[in-house]
């Protein structure tokens, strides 16, 4: 009888852990993590160490024809902060797929970048992001970004 109680207890523990881990990931929590990623990516608040908390150690991004890992993406952002003075992203049309320990989101991204040379760059992307649970927290593992359209306008001061 003791063996049966131990077996049932162990099974309940495994089931409880699986249930609690899967309840961490919801559509809202996955979208919130994606929005946090872009919030922390803002040129006026980007800090490598803080930003690194929302991405996995083996994070990879396909952006602007480049294949970037965690460190090369940081270098890419650091270089951009030399010319970009303001960033803004509007994410929309989310399609979310959830698994027990992962989430996949496809969405559209309208971005505006204002430069030191008084230009506004309007970009429209179709993007896909894959997130996984790492150390009990949902983090971005992979992001694919496809540019649909880009327009550059000069900011005039009157």
Protein backbone atom coordinates (compact mmCIF):
# COMPACT_ATOMS: atom_id res chain seq x y z
CA UNK A 1 0.00 0.00 0.00
CA UNK A 2 2.88 2.40 0.78
CA UNK A 3 4.32 1.85 -2.70
CA UNK A 4 0.98 2.79 -4.29
CA UNK A 5 0.77 5.97 -2.17
CA UNK A 6 4.31 6.92 -3.13
CA UNK A 7 3.61 6.25 -6.80
CA UNK A 8 0.40 8.30 -6.72
CA UNK A 9 2.20 11.12 -4.89
CA UNK A 10 5.01 11.15 -7.46
CA UNK A 11 2.52 11.15 -10.34
CA UNK A 12 0.56 13.99 -8.74
CA UNK A 13 3.77 15.96 -8.28
CA UNK A 14 4.75 15.53 -11.94
CA UNK A 15 1.23 16.39 -13.09
CA UNK A 16 1.14 19.43 -10.81
CA UNK A 17 4.50 20.69 -12.12
CA UNK A 18 3.43 20.18 -15.72
CA UNK A 19 0.13 21.95 -15.09
CA UNK A 20 1.72 24.89 -13.26
CA UNK A 21 4.35 25.35 -15.98
CA UNK A 22 1.78 25.30 -18.77
CA UNK A 23 -0.42 27.76 -16.90
CA UNK A 24 2.46 30.26 -16.96
CA UNK A 25 2.11 30.62 -20.73
CA UNK A 26 -1.04 32.26 -21.99
CA UNK A 27 -1.68 34.29 -25.12
CA UNK A 28 -1.64 37.44 -23.00
CA UNK A 29 1.63 36.53 -21.24
CA UNK A 30 3.33 35.66 -24.55
CA UNK A 31 2.22 38.93 -26.16
CA UNK A 32 3.26 40.83 -23.02
CA UNK A 33 6.75 39.27 -23.21
CA UNK A 34 7.03 40.29 -26.88
CA UNK A 35 5.95 43.85 -26.01
CA UNK A 36 8.49 43.88 -23.16
CA UNK A 37 11.18 42.89 -25.68
CA UNK A 38 10.39 45.95 -27.82
CA UNK A 39 9.98 48.19 -24.76
CA UNK A 40 13.49 47.28 -23.60
CA UNK A 41 14.82 47.63 -27.16
CA UNK A 42 13.82 51.32 -27.24
CA UNK A 43 16.87 53.45 -28.01
CA UNK A 44 16.30 55.62 -24.92
CA UNK A 45 16.17 52.73 -22.46
CA UNK A 46 18.24 49.93 -24.01
CA UNK A 47 20.69 48.38 -21.55
CA UNK A 48 22.43 45.18 -22.57
CA UNK A 49 22.15 43.43 -19.19
CA UNK A 50 18.47 44.28 -18.66
CA UNK A 51 17.58 43.38 -22.25
CA UNK A 52 19.45 40.07 -21.94
CA UNK A 53 16.96 38.97 -19.27
CA UNK A 54 14.15 38.60 -21.86
CA UNK A 55 16.15 36.54 -24.37
CA UNK A 56 17.64 33.05 -24.13
CA UNK A 57 21.37 32.45 -23.99
CA UNK A 58 21.21 31.04 -27.54
CA UNK A 59 18.94 33.81 -28.91
CA UNK A 60 19.04 34.28 -32.67
CA UNK A 61 17.43 36.88 -34.92
CA UNK A 62 17.18 37.15 -38.70
CA UNK A 63 16.98 40.91 -39.26
CA UNK A 64 17.71 43.07 -42.27
CA UNK A 65 19.36 40.19 -44.14
CA UNK A 66 21.58 39.38 -41.16
CA UNK A 67 21.81 36.27 -38.97
CA UNK A 68 22.57 37.63 -35.49
CA UNK A 69 23.15 35.85 -32.20
CA UNK A 70 22.86 37.48 -28.78
CA UNK A 71 26.21 39.29 -28.91
CA UNK A 72 26.13 40.36 -32.56
CA UNK A 73 22.57 41.66 -32.04
CA UNK A 74 23.84 43.76 -29.14
CA UNK A 75 26.59 45.13 -31.42
CA UNK A 76 23.95 45.86 -34.10
CA UNK A 77 21.80 47.78 -31.57
CA UNK A 78 24.80 49.64 -30.13
CA UNK A 79 25.78 50.80 -33.62
CA UNK A 80 22.20 51.91 -34.36
CA UNK A 81 22.01 53.97 -31.16
CA UNK A 82 24.75 56.16 -32.60
CA UNK A 83 22.40 57.48 -35.30
CA UNK A 84 18.87 56.78 -34.01
CA UNK A 85 17.44 59.19 -31.41
CA UNK A 86 13.89 57.86 -31.10
CA UNK A 87 12.18 54.52 -31.73
CA UNK A 88 8.58 53.42 -31.71
CA UNK A 89 6.92 50.11 -32.58
CA UNK A 90 3.25 49.26 -33.00
CA UNK A 91 2.61 45.51 -33.01
CA UNK A 92 -0.65 44.11 -34.38
CA UNK A 93 -2.54 41.13 -35.82
CA UNK A 94 -1.15 38.60 -33.35
CA UNK A 95 -1.58 34.92 -34.10
CA UNK A 96 -0.43 32.94 -31.07
CA UNK A 97 0.27 29.21 -30.81
CA UNK A 98 1.00 27.82 -27.35
CA UNK A 99 2.66 24.64 -26.20
CA UNK A 100 3.40 23.45 -22.69
CA UNK A 101 6.77 25.21 -22.54
CA UNK A 102 6.84 27.40 -25.65
CA UNK A 103 4.94 30.02 -27.62
CA UNK A 104 5.02 31.09 -31.26
CA UNK A 105 3.62 34.43 -32.40
CA UNK A 106 3.26 35.88 -35.88
CA UNK A 107 2.43 39.58 -36.09
CA UNK A 108 2.92 42.82 -38.00
CA UNK A 109 5.26 45.54 -36.78
CA UNK A 110 5.05 49.21 -37.76
CA UNK A 111 8.25 50.93 -36.67
CA UNK A 112 9.37 54.54 -36.73
CA UNK A 113 13.00 55.54 -36.27
CA UNK A 114 14.00 59.20 -35.97
CA UNK A 115 17.64 59.93 -36.73
CA UNK A 116 20.17 62.56 -35.70
CA UNK A 117 20.11 63.79 -39.32
CA UNK A 118 16.41 64.75 -39.06
CA UNK A 119 15.03 61.78 -40.96
CA UNK A 120 12.10 59.58 -40.04
CA UNK A 121 12.33 56.00 -41.22
CA UNK A 122 8.97 54.22 -41.40
CA UNK A 123 9.28 50.44 -41.62
CA UNK A 124 6.59 47.81 -41.90
CA UNK A 125 7.54 44.20 -41.12
CA UNK A 126 5.92 40.81 -40.98
CA UNK A 127 7.54 39.00 -38.04
CA UNK A 128 7.56 35.67 -36.26
CA UNK A 129 8.90 34.99 -32.79
CA UNK A 130 9.51 31.74 -30.90
CA UNK A 131 9.67 31.81 -27.10
CA UNK A 132 10.56 29.11 -24.60
CA UNK A 133 10.49 28.75 -20.85
CA UNK A 134 14.03 29.13 -19.52
CA UNK A 135 14.66 29.07 -15.76
CA UNK A 136 10.91 29.29 -15.16
CA UNK A 137 10.41 32.39 -17.29
CA UNK A 138 9.22 32.88 -20.87
CA UNK A 139 12.06 34.26 -23.04
CA UNK A 140 12.59 34.99 -26.73
CA UNK A 141 14.69 32.36 -28.48
CA UNK A 142 14.24 33.27 -32.17
CA UNK A 143 12.87 36.20 -34.15
CA UNK A 144 12.43 36.34 -37.93
CA UNK A 145 11.76 39.76 -39.44
CA UNK A 146 10.74 40.32 -43.07
CA UNK A 147 10.60 43.90 -44.34
CA UNK A 148 7.44 44.64 -46.32
CA UNK A 149 7.94 48.37 -46.88
CA UNK A 150 10.24 51.22 -45.84
CA UNK A 151 9.90 54.95 -46.39
CA UNK A 152 12.33 57.68 -45.38
CA UNK A 153 11.18 61.26 -44.96
CA UNK A 154 13.07 64.35 -43.90
CA UNK A 155 11.83 66.15 -40.81
CA UNK A 156 11.43 69.85 -41.54
CA UNK A 157 11.36 72.49 -38.82
CA UNK A 158 9.40 75.65 -39.42
